[in-house]
Protein backbone atom coordinates (compact mmCIF):
# COMPACT_ATOMS: atom_id res chain seq x y z
CA MET A 1 -6.30 -12.54 -55.87
CA ASN A 2 -9.99 -11.89 -57.17
CA LEU A 3 -11.23 -10.01 -53.94
CA ASN A 4 -14.89 -10.15 -55.49
CA ALA A 5 -14.44 -14.00 -55.58
CA VAL A 6 -13.66 -14.01 -51.93
CA LYS A 7 -16.30 -11.90 -51.01
CA ARG A 8 -18.75 -14.36 -53.15
CA VAL A 9 -17.44 -17.45 -51.24
CA GLN A 10 -18.04 -15.76 -47.98
CA LEU A 11 -21.59 -15.11 -49.04
CA LEU A 12 -21.95 -18.73 -49.73
CA THR A 13 -20.40 -19.95 -46.56
CA LEU A 14 -22.13 -17.31 -43.98
CA PHE A 15 -24.13 -15.09 -45.92
CA VAL A 16 -23.03 -12.10 -43.63
CA GLY A 17 -19.31 -12.79 -44.55
CA LEU A 18 -16.27 -14.06 -42.42
CA LEU A 19 -15.41 -12.22 -39.49
CA PHE A 20 -12.16 -10.92 -40.55
CA PHE A 21 -10.78 -9.55 -37.20
CA SER A 22 -7.99 -7.38 -36.43
CA LEU A 23 -4.73 -8.95 -35.13
CA GLY A 24 -4.77 -9.72 -31.40
CA ALA A 25 -1.23 -11.07 -29.57
CA ARG A 26 -1.39 -13.37 -26.61
CA ALA A 27 1.15 -14.17 -24.43
CA ALA A 28 -0.06 -17.53 -23.87
CA LEU A 29 -3.30 -19.81 -24.43
CA GLU A 30 -5.84 -18.93 -21.74
CA ILE A 31 -9.03 -20.90 -20.98
CA GLU A 32 -11.33 -18.62 -19.23
CA ILE A 33 -14.61 -20.41 -17.85
CA THR A 34 -17.43 -17.44 -18.05
CA GLN A 35 -20.08 -19.27 -16.84
CA GLY A 36 -20.64 -22.93 -15.21
CA VAL A 37 -23.27 -24.75 -13.72
CA GLU A 38 -24.65 -24.04 -10.35
CA ALA A 39 -24.04 -27.37 -8.80
CA GLY A 40 -21.38 -29.48 -10.60
CA ILE A 41 -20.17 -32.78 -9.03
CA PRO A 42 -17.61 -31.62 -6.18
CA VAL A 43 -14.49 -33.56 -7.09
CA ALA A 44 -11.01 -33.45 -5.70
CA VAL A 45 -8.07 -34.30 -8.06
CA VAL A 46 -5.10 -35.02 -5.81
CA PRO A 47 -1.73 -34.03 -7.29
CA PHE A 48 -0.14 -37.17 -8.62
CA GLU A 49 2.89 -38.52 -6.92
CA TRP A 50 5.97 -38.11 -8.99
CA LYS A 51 8.66 -41.02 -8.53
CA GLY A 52 11.80 -39.84 -10.48
CA SER A 53 14.34 -37.25 -10.95
CA GLY A 54 13.65 -33.65 -11.83
CA VAL A 55 10.14 -33.09 -13.31
CA PRO A 56 7.85 -35.11 -15.59
CA PRO A 57 7.14 -33.39 -19.32
CA HIS A 58 3.43 -32.79 -18.12
CA PHE A 59 1.75 -32.85 -14.87
CA VAL A 60 -0.90 -35.33 -15.49
CA SER A 61 -3.16 -34.63 -12.59
CA ASP A 62 -3.22 -30.49 -13.35
CA ILE A 63 -4.18 -31.51 -17.02
CA ILE A 64 -6.99 -33.95 -15.47
CA GLU A 65 -8.30 -31.43 -13.16
CA ALA A 66 -8.27 -28.75 -15.89
CA ASP A 67 -10.43 -30.97 -18.28
CA LEU A 68 -12.95 -31.56 -15.42
CA LYS A 69 -13.65 -28.01 -14.44
CA ARG A 70 -13.65 -27.09 -18.34
CA SER A 71 -16.43 -29.55 -19.03
CA GLY A 72 -18.68 -27.46 -16.59
CA ARG A 73 -20.04 -30.81 -14.94
CA PHE A 74 -17.59 -30.67 -11.96
CA ASP A 75 -16.67 -28.32 -9.29
CA THR A 76 -13.18 -28.88 -8.51
CA ILE A 77 -12.18 -28.58 -4.92
CA PRO A 78 -9.20 -26.22 -4.26
CA ARG A 79 -5.97 -28.05 -3.30
CA GLY A 80 -5.59 -25.66 -0.41
CA ASP A 81 -8.66 -27.05 1.18
CA PHE A 82 -7.38 -30.69 1.08
CA LEU A 83 -6.92 -32.41 4.48
CA SER A 84 -4.40 -35.35 3.25
CA ASN A 85 -2.79 -36.14 -0.06
CA PRO A 86 -3.24 -39.97 -0.78
CA HIS A 87 -1.74 -41.61 -3.93
CA ASP A 88 -3.31 -44.95 -3.68
CA HIS A 89 -6.25 -46.60 -2.09
CA THR A 90 -4.26 -47.71 1.02
CA GLU A 91 -3.74 -43.93 1.79
CA VAL A 92 -7.30 -42.67 1.37
CA ASN A 93 -9.25 -41.79 4.47
CA TYR A 94 -13.02 -40.82 3.32
CA LYS A 95 -13.61 -38.72 6.39
CA ASP A 96 -11.01 -36.30 5.25
CA TRP A 97 -13.08 -35.63 2.05
CA ARG A 98 -16.45 -36.01 3.45
CA LEU A 99 -15.63 -32.81 5.75
CA ILE A 100 -14.43 -30.81 2.60
CA LYS A 101 -17.75 -31.95 0.97
CA ALA A 102 -15.95 -33.77 -1.84
CA GLU A 103 -18.17 -36.42 -3.60
CA ALA A 104 -15.58 -38.01 -5.84
CA LEU A 105 -11.80 -38.10 -5.40
CA VAL A 106 -8.88 -38.79 -8.01
CA VAL A 107 -5.58 -39.85 -7.03
CA GLY A 108 -2.52 -41.46 -8.52
CA ARG A 109 1.17 -41.45 -9.27
CA VAL A 110 3.81 -40.99 -12.14
CA GLN A 111 7.09 -43.07 -12.36
CA ARG A 112 9.86 -42.84 -14.60
CA LEU A 113 10.84 -46.35 -16.11
CA GLY A 114 13.47 -45.34 -18.38
CA SER A 115 14.88 -42.36 -20.22
CA ASP A 116 11.59 -41.67 -22.05
CA GLN A 117 9.02 -43.98 -20.50
CA TYR A 118 6.60 -43.51 -17.70
CA GLN A 119 4.29 -45.57 -15.74
CA VAL A 120 1.09 -43.86 -14.70
CA GLU A 121 -1.62 -45.29 -12.58
CA PHE A 122 -4.78 -43.53 -11.01
CA ARG A 123 -7.88 -44.40 -9.11
CA VAL A 124 -11.33 -42.96 -8.87
CA PHE A 125 -13.26 -43.01 -5.62
CA ASP A 126 -16.88 -42.51 -4.45
CA VAL A 127 -16.43 -40.55 -1.24
CA PHE A 128 -19.72 -41.23 0.34
CA LYS A 129 -19.97 -45.03 -0.46
CA SER A 130 -16.25 -45.26 0.71
CA LYS A 131 -15.31 -47.48 -2.29
CA GLN A 132 -13.13 -47.36 -5.48
CA LEU A 133 -15.14 -46.75 -8.96
CA THR A 134 -12.23 -47.34 -11.23
CA GLY A 135 -8.48 -47.55 -11.84
CA PHE A 136 -6.13 -48.27 -14.28
CA ARG A 137 -2.14 -48.27 -15.01
CA TYR A 138 -0.44 -47.52 -18.03
CA SER A 139 3.04 -47.01 -19.53
CA VAL A 140 3.73 -44.57 -22.09
CA PRO A 141 6.56 -42.35 -23.75
CA GLY A 142 7.13 -38.99 -22.46
CA LYS A 143 5.14 -37.18 -25.83
CA SER A 144 2.13 -39.25 -24.93
CA LEU A 145 1.79 -38.16 -21.44
CA ARG A 146 -0.89 -35.41 -22.31
CA LYS A 147 -2.74 -37.79 -24.14
CA LEU A 148 -3.03 -39.96 -21.75
CA ALA A 149 -4.08 -37.33 -19.31
CA HIS A 150 -6.96 -36.74 -21.52
CA GLN A 151 -7.68 -40.17 -21.84
CA ILE A 152 -7.80 -40.54 -18.00
CA SER A 153 -10.30 -37.42 -18.07
CA ASP A 154 -12.58 -39.26 -20.38
CA ILE A 155 -12.55 -42.12 -18.13
CA VAL A 156 -13.35 -40.17 -14.96
CA TYR A 157 -16.01 -38.15 -16.99
CA GLN A 158 -17.74 -41.16 -17.95
CA THR A 159 -17.34 -43.12 -14.32
CA LEU A 160 -18.96 -40.00 -12.80
CA THR A 161 -21.63 -38.95 -15.21
CA GLY A 162 -22.61 -42.04 -17.23
CA GLU A 163 -21.66 -40.20 -20.54
CA ARG A 164 -18.65 -40.50 -22.69
CA GLY A 165 -16.06 -37.81 -22.39
CA ALA A 166 -14.77 -35.90 -25.35
CA PHE A 167 -11.20 -34.59 -23.98
CA ASP A 168 -9.00 -36.95 -25.87
CA THR A 169 -10.30 -35.34 -29.11
CA ARG A 170 -8.90 -32.58 -31.42
CA VAL A 171 -10.09 -29.17 -33.07
CA ALA A 172 -8.98 -27.75 -36.28
CA TYR A 173 -9.24 -24.11 -36.97
CA VAL A 174 -8.18 -21.18 -38.97
CA THR A 175 -5.78 -18.51 -37.73
CA VAL A 176 -5.14 -15.14 -39.33
CA GLU A 177 -1.91 -13.41 -38.53
CA ARG A 178 -1.84 -9.79 -39.86
CA SER A 179 1.59 -7.55 -39.93
CA PRO A 180 2.35 -4.47 -41.91
CA ALA A 181 4.45 -6.74 -44.22
CA ARG A 182 2.04 -9.63 -44.91
CA THR A 183 -1.06 -11.63 -43.93
CA ARG A 184 -0.80 -15.36 -43.10
CA TYR A 185 -3.58 -17.95 -42.89
CA LEU A 186 -2.97 -20.88 -41.02
CA LEU A 187 -4.69 -24.12 -40.88
CA ARG A 188 -4.23 -25.96 -37.38
CA VAL A 189 -4.99 -28.65 -35.35
CA ALA A 190 -4.70 -29.00 -31.75
CA ASP A 191 -6.03 -30.80 -28.73
CA SER A 192 -9.51 -30.10 -27.42
CA ASP A 193 -7.85 -27.80 -24.85
CA GLY A 194 -6.18 -25.81 -27.55
CA TYR A 195 -2.46 -27.12 -26.62
CA GLY A 196 -0.04 -28.88 -28.95
CA ALA A 197 -1.25 -26.91 -32.10
CA VAL A 198 0.31 -27.97 -35.24
CA THR A 199 0.22 -26.19 -38.43
CA ILE A 200 -1.52 -28.33 -41.35
CA LEU A 201 -1.39 -25.66 -44.09
CA GLU A 202 0.28 -22.20 -44.46
CA SER A 203 -0.87 -19.71 -47.10
CA LYS A 204 -0.95 -15.99 -48.14
CA GLU A 205 -4.55 -16.54 -49.45
CA PRO A 206 -7.84 -17.25 -47.38
CA ILE A 207 -8.39 -20.90 -45.97
CA LEU A 208 -11.91 -21.64 -45.17
CA SER A 209 -14.06 -24.23 -44.04
CA PRO A 210 -12.08 -27.32 -42.41
CA ALA A 211 -14.11 -30.31 -41.93
CA TRP A 212 -12.98 -33.65 -40.49
CA SER A 213 -13.24 -36.83 -42.01
CA PRO A 214 -15.59 -39.77 -40.16
CA ASP A 215 -11.97 -41.37 -39.09
CA GLY A 216 -10.49 -38.44 -37.98
CA LEU A 217 -7.47 -38.90 -40.30
CA ARG A 218 -8.21 -36.37 -42.91
CA LEU A 219 -9.40 -32.77 -43.30
CA ALA A 220 -11.07 -31.00 -46.16
CA TYR A 221 -11.00 -27.55 -46.58
CA VAL A 222 -11.26 -24.65 -48.98
CA SER A 223 -8.14 -22.72 -50.12
CA PHE A 224 -7.41 -19.64 -52.41
CA GLU A 225 -3.90 -20.22 -52.85
CA GLN A 226 -4.12 -20.23 -56.59
CA GLY A 227 -6.29 -17.17 -56.54
CA ARG A 228 -9.72 -18.99 -56.69
CA SER A 229 -11.55 -21.39 -54.41
CA MET A 230 -10.58 -24.94 -54.59
CA ILE A 231 -11.56 -27.85 -52.10
CA PHE A 232 -8.50 -30.01 -51.10
CA VAL A 233 -8.57 -33.27 -48.88
CA GLN A 234 -5.41 -33.55 -46.82
CA ARG A 235 -4.28 -36.64 -45.01
CA LEU A 236 -2.86 -35.53 -41.33
CA GLY A 237 -0.46 -38.42 -40.78
CA ASP A 238 1.82 -37.57 -43.71
CA GLY A 239 0.57 -34.10 -44.93
CA LYS A 240 -0.48 -35.45 -48.43
CA ARG A 241 -3.11 -33.88 -50.05
CA GLU A 242 -5.51 -34.25 -53.11
CA LEU A 243 -7.45 -31.64 -55.01
CA VAL A 244 -11.01 -32.82 -55.31
CA ALA A 245 -13.12 -29.81 -56.82
CA SER A 246 -11.76 -27.07 -58.83
CA PHE A 247 -14.76 -26.40 -61.04
CA PRO A 248 -15.35 -23.18 -62.61
CA GLY A 249 -16.85 -20.43 -60.42
CA LEU A 250 -16.84 -20.96 -56.59
CA ASN A 251 -16.02 -24.04 -54.73
CA GLY A 252 -16.81 -24.20 -50.93
CA ALA A 253 -18.42 -25.47 -47.65
CA PRO A 254 -17.29 -29.19 -48.05
CA ALA A 255 -19.14 -31.69 -45.77
CA TRP A 256 -18.29 -35.56 -45.30
CA ALA A 257 -20.56 -38.31 -45.66
CA PRO A 258 -20.47 -40.58 -42.58
CA ASN A 259 -19.05 -43.47 -44.67
CA GLY A 260 -15.89 -41.16 -45.69
CA LYS A 261 -16.22 -41.86 -49.32
CA MET A 262 -18.13 -38.71 -50.46
CA LEU A 263 -18.22 -35.11 -49.85
CA ALA A 264 -21.17 -32.88 -49.96
CA ALA A 265 -20.18 -29.19 -51.41
CA VAL A 266 -21.09 -26.02 -53.04
CA SER A 267 -20.41 -25.00 -56.63
CA SER A 268 -21.43 -22.34 -59.03
CA ARG A 269 -20.08 -24.10 -62.05
CA GLU A 270 -23.53 -23.47 -63.72
CA GLY A 271 -23.94 -20.15 -62.69
CA ASN A 272 -25.89 -20.51 -59.47
CA ALA A 273 -24.66 -21.79 -56.17
CA GLU A 274 -26.02 -25.30 -55.98
CA ILE A 275 -25.06 -28.22 -53.56
CA TYR A 276 -23.52 -31.23 -55.11
CA THR A 277 -22.02 -34.60 -53.89
CA ILE A 278 -18.49 -35.64 -54.96
CA ASP A 279 -17.35 -39.34 -55.07
CA LEU A 280 -13.93 -39.12 -53.57
CA GLN A 281 -12.90 -42.10 -55.46
CA THR A 282 -14.04 -41.31 -58.83
CA LYS A 283 -14.28 -37.56 -58.51
CA GLN A 284 -17.60 -37.76 -60.36
CA SER A 285 -20.21 -35.28 -58.91
CA ARG A 286 -23.89 -35.29 -58.61
CA ARG A 287 -26.09 -32.09 -58.48
CA LEU A 288 -28.74 -32.17 -55.53
CA THR A 289 -30.47 -28.83 -55.67
CA ASN A 290 -31.79 -26.70 -58.61
CA HIS A 291 -33.31 -23.38 -57.20
CA LEU A 292 -32.84 -19.82 -58.25
CA SER A 293 -31.83 -18.91 -54.79
CA ILE A 294 -28.53 -19.39 -52.93
CA ASP A 295 -28.24 -23.01 -51.53
CA THR A 296 -25.07 -23.63 -49.34
CA GLU A 297 -23.64 -24.84 -46.34
CA PRO A 298 -24.50 -28.78 -46.54
CA ALA A 299 -24.28 -31.12 -43.53
CA PHE A 300 -24.94 -34.93 -43.73
CA SER A 301 -27.20 -36.52 -41.12
CA PRO A 302 -25.11 -39.05 -38.80
CA ASP A 303 -27.06 -41.77 -40.79
CA GLY A 304 -25.95 -40.53 -44.10
CA ARG A 305 -29.70 -40.44 -45.27
CA SER A 306 -30.41 -36.88 -45.31
CA ILE A 307 -28.17 -33.65 -45.73
CA VAL A 308 -29.28 -30.16 -43.91
CA PHE A 309 -28.62 -26.79 -45.89
CA THR A 310 -28.94 -23.27 -45.86
CA SER A 311 -31.24 -21.47 -48.32
CA ASP A 312 -32.59 -18.22 -48.84
CA ARG A 313 -35.20 -19.30 -51.24
CA ALA A 314 -37.80 -18.14 -49.08
CA GLY A 315 -36.53 -14.87 -48.80
CA ARG A 316 -33.95 -15.09 -46.03
CA PRO A 317 -31.61 -17.69 -45.00
CA GLN A 318 -33.30 -20.55 -43.35
CA ILE A 319 -32.30 -24.25 -42.83
CA TYR A 320 -33.80 -27.03 -45.12
CA ARG A 321 -33.61 -30.77 -45.26
CA MET A 322 -33.51 -33.13 -48.23
CA ARG A 323 -32.83 -36.72 -48.69
CA VAL A 324 -29.19 -37.55 -49.74
CA ASP A 325 -30.32 -37.81 -53.54
CA GLY A 326 -31.69 -34.22 -53.37
CA SER A 327 -35.64 -35.20 -53.13
CA GLY A 328 -38.07 -34.47 -50.51
CA VAL A 329 -36.77 -30.79 -49.82
CA GLU A 330 -38.52 -29.34 -46.57
CA ARG A 331 -38.06 -26.07 -44.41
CA LEU A 332 -36.95 -26.74 -40.89
CA THR A 333 -36.63 -23.56 -39.35
CA PHE A 334 -39.34 -20.66 -39.16
CA GLU A 335 -38.09 -18.78 -35.86
CA GLY A 336 -36.17 -15.69 -36.63
CA ASN A 337 -35.28 -13.87 -39.78
CA TYR A 338 -31.60 -15.48 -40.07
CA ASN A 339 -30.67 -19.43 -39.55
CA ALA A 340 -27.63 -20.66 -41.35
CA ARG A 341 -24.41 -22.93 -40.86
CA ALA A 342 -26.40 -25.91 -39.52
CA SER A 343 -24.82 -29.26 -38.58
CA TYR A 344 -26.09 -32.41 -36.50
CA SER A 345 -25.39 -33.54 -33.18
CA PRO A 346 -24.06 -36.92 -33.13
CA ASP A 347 -27.40 -38.55 -31.96
CA GLY A 348 -29.01 -36.80 -35.42
CA LYS A 349 -31.74 -35.46 -32.94
CA ARG A 350 -30.48 -31.94 -32.78
CA LEU A 351 -28.98 -29.16 -34.92
CA THR A 352 -26.68 -26.48 -33.53
CA LEU A 353 -26.57 -23.27 -35.99
CA VAL A 354 -26.38 -19.60 -36.26
CA THR A 355 -29.52 -17.57 -35.66
CA ASN A 356 -30.57 -13.98 -35.64
CA GLN A 357 -33.90 -13.19 -33.94
CA GLY A 358 -32.87 -9.55 -33.54
CA GLY A 359 -30.24 -9.52 -31.03
CA GLY A 360 -27.08 -10.34 -33.47
CA TYR A 361 -25.81 -13.63 -34.58
CA ARG A 362 -25.63 -16.18 -31.98
CA ILE A 363 -25.54 -19.95 -31.68
CA GLY A 364 -28.72 -21.98 -31.17
CA VAL A 365 -29.64 -25.35 -30.82
CA PHE A 366 -32.74 -26.55 -32.84
CA HIS A 367 -34.30 -30.06 -31.73
CA ILE A 368 -35.70 -31.36 -34.93
CA ASP A 369 -38.72 -33.59 -33.41
CA SER A 370 -40.12 -30.54 -31.50
CA LYS A 371 -38.99 -27.78 -33.92
CA GLY A 372 -37.76 -25.85 -30.76
CA LEU A 373 -34.99 -23.39 -31.27
CA PHE A 374 -33.17 -22.04 -28.59
CA VAL A 375 -30.23 -19.32 -28.21
CA ILE A 376 -27.55 -20.49 -25.97
CA THR A 377 -25.17 -17.79 -26.58
CA ASP A 378 -25.26 -14.21 -25.54
CA THR A 379 -22.76 -12.63 -27.76
CA THR A 380 -23.50 -11.02 -31.23
CA LEU A 381 -21.01 -12.05 -33.81
CA ASP A 382 -20.85 -15.93 -33.30
CA GLU A 383 -20.09 -18.16 -36.26
CA SER A 384 -19.31 -21.93 -37.24
CA PRO A 385 -20.65 -23.90 -34.68
CA SER A 386 -19.33 -27.30 -34.18
CA PHE A 387 -20.79 -30.23 -31.80
CA ALA A 388 -18.22 -32.15 -29.84
CA PRO A 389 -18.44 -36.00 -30.72
CA ASN A 390 -20.50 -36.78 -27.34
CA GLY A 391 -22.84 -33.68 -28.16
CA ALA A 392 -22.30 -32.28 -24.65
CA MET A 393 -20.56 -28.96 -26.03
CA ILE A 394 -20.47 -26.85 -29.09
CA LEU A 395 -17.40 -25.19 -30.20
CA TYR A 396 -17.62 -21.84 -32.22
CA ALA A 397 -15.88 -18.53 -33.11
CA THR A 398 -16.46 -15.31 -31.87
CA GLN A 399 -15.50 -11.82 -31.49
CA GLN A 400 -14.27 -10.52 -28.24
CA GLY A 401 -13.01 -6.91 -28.20
CA ASN A 402 -11.33 -6.65 -31.52
CA SER A 403 -10.10 -10.12 -31.68
CA GLY A 404 -11.36 -13.40 -32.98
CA VAL A 405 -11.50 -16.26 -30.42
CA LEU A 406 -12.67 -19.48 -30.08
CA SER A 407 -15.38 -20.35 -27.65
CA ALA A 408 -17.54 -23.50 -26.28
CA VAL A 409 -20.79 -23.50 -24.68
CA SER A 410 -22.61 -26.48 -23.38
CA ALA A 411 -25.62 -27.70 -25.48
CA ASP A 412 -27.85 -26.42 -22.88
CA GLY A 413 -26.15 -23.10 -22.47
CA ARG A 414 -25.56 -23.42 -18.97
CA VAL A 415 -21.82 -23.42 -19.29
CA LYS A 416 -19.40 -20.93 -21.39
CA GLN A 417 -15.73 -20.67 -21.99
CA VAL A 418 -13.25 -18.87 -23.96
CA LEU A 419 -9.99 -20.24 -25.62
CA ARG A 420 -7.52 -17.38 -26.18
CA PHE A 421 -4.50 -18.32 -28.43
CA GLN A 422 -1.02 -16.87 -28.45
CA LYS A 423 -1.52 -14.57 -31.46
CA GLY A 424 -3.91 -14.05 -34.35
CA ASP A 425 -7.52 -14.15 -35.00
CA VAL A 426 -9.18 -17.51 -34.82
CA ARG A 427 -12.15 -18.75 -36.65
CA GLU A 428 -13.67 -21.38 -38.50
CA PRO A 429 -13.54 -24.34 -35.70
CA ALA A 430 -14.26 -27.72 -36.35
CA TRP A 431 -14.39 -30.39 -33.56
CA SER A 432 -12.87 -33.82 -34.47
CA PRO A 433 -14.67 -37.00 -34.04
CA TYR A 434 -13.82 -39.76 -31.82
CA ASN A 435 -12.05 -42.02 -34.37
CA ARG A 436 -8.46 -40.79 -33.63
CA LYS A 437 -5.97 -43.19 -34.60
CA LEU A 438 -2.93 -40.68 -35.24
């Protein structure tokens, strides 16, 4: 592989290069909440009653409790403080929960119906109003219990906050595993809490910039498997993939249009790094930028009318915006000497980006209307920020010690957590959209 070509693609995608961290083995996935809100909603999740022999494939109530705690919006009450353990509405004594200052209560049960079929029911209660807020019953196979638990977490989250949850979503990321004999690059997809990871692609050469299609069924990414950068689109259901960009020079930074029919990407086919759109049906491309400087890292607005991108045309990397046809280019960011890798919030009102205002490369949130830029992390080698589909959290990669890890931070910076995976350096995260059909 041409190492100079790899370095040039790193320049196009991050300007400061990718963070090739050293191997860091882990015994298991750990999620560490390093900072939370001062006053989350006090919620008690009672261990669900199990009605069956042996143990269930997954402990649904444990997953729900972990999801709620991980969101940073809730203070989960320790189970050792519980005065009772109800499993349905007939067993709830609201006084027991007022005494331990719970404001919300989640109870339920799991029952085995057959060899691999389970019935799950749950209820959510408002402790102070002494009433049930919601409750449902489901029947699912064992393999779907964890997914159902995340779906229940989403219902609880929305019931108690009025906002849509994002627990039943997925994340894509790249893991680099090194040994004296070889280096492996793995493109992986996992649940939003990091569990259930599946390898989508394995290569001896770098894999960069995974990007979810709007329907959540495909990933676009950059692969060096043939010694140079090429852009592929791969279906997650059957693994079938398609080469969509292998132009001379460099190909990188794919981004999906909201309609799923087009990609924006970076190419140096005409000598300089410029932004193009690629029609996925016809494979026809259209050049959008034309400047002597580097233009890279495009991202569509949710309405599909504009594209933000990174350019150093003012001397330093900054964020610009243009119409989807390439006209009307305007500079958005002026604060700090480095702003790059921007992407939109689901409501189109904010951007998350990597910023350097003198203290290292950190994650920021830029409010488009007010032009305010707020730094929300305190580490110094952060990269690849990606909004959750509800806009409440931002996933990103950073360095902790000598290892690359994934972290998440609330959009206001008040809640922080770190996801440590089994082994390898983890980078290039992307949070999936809601439209999951697999």
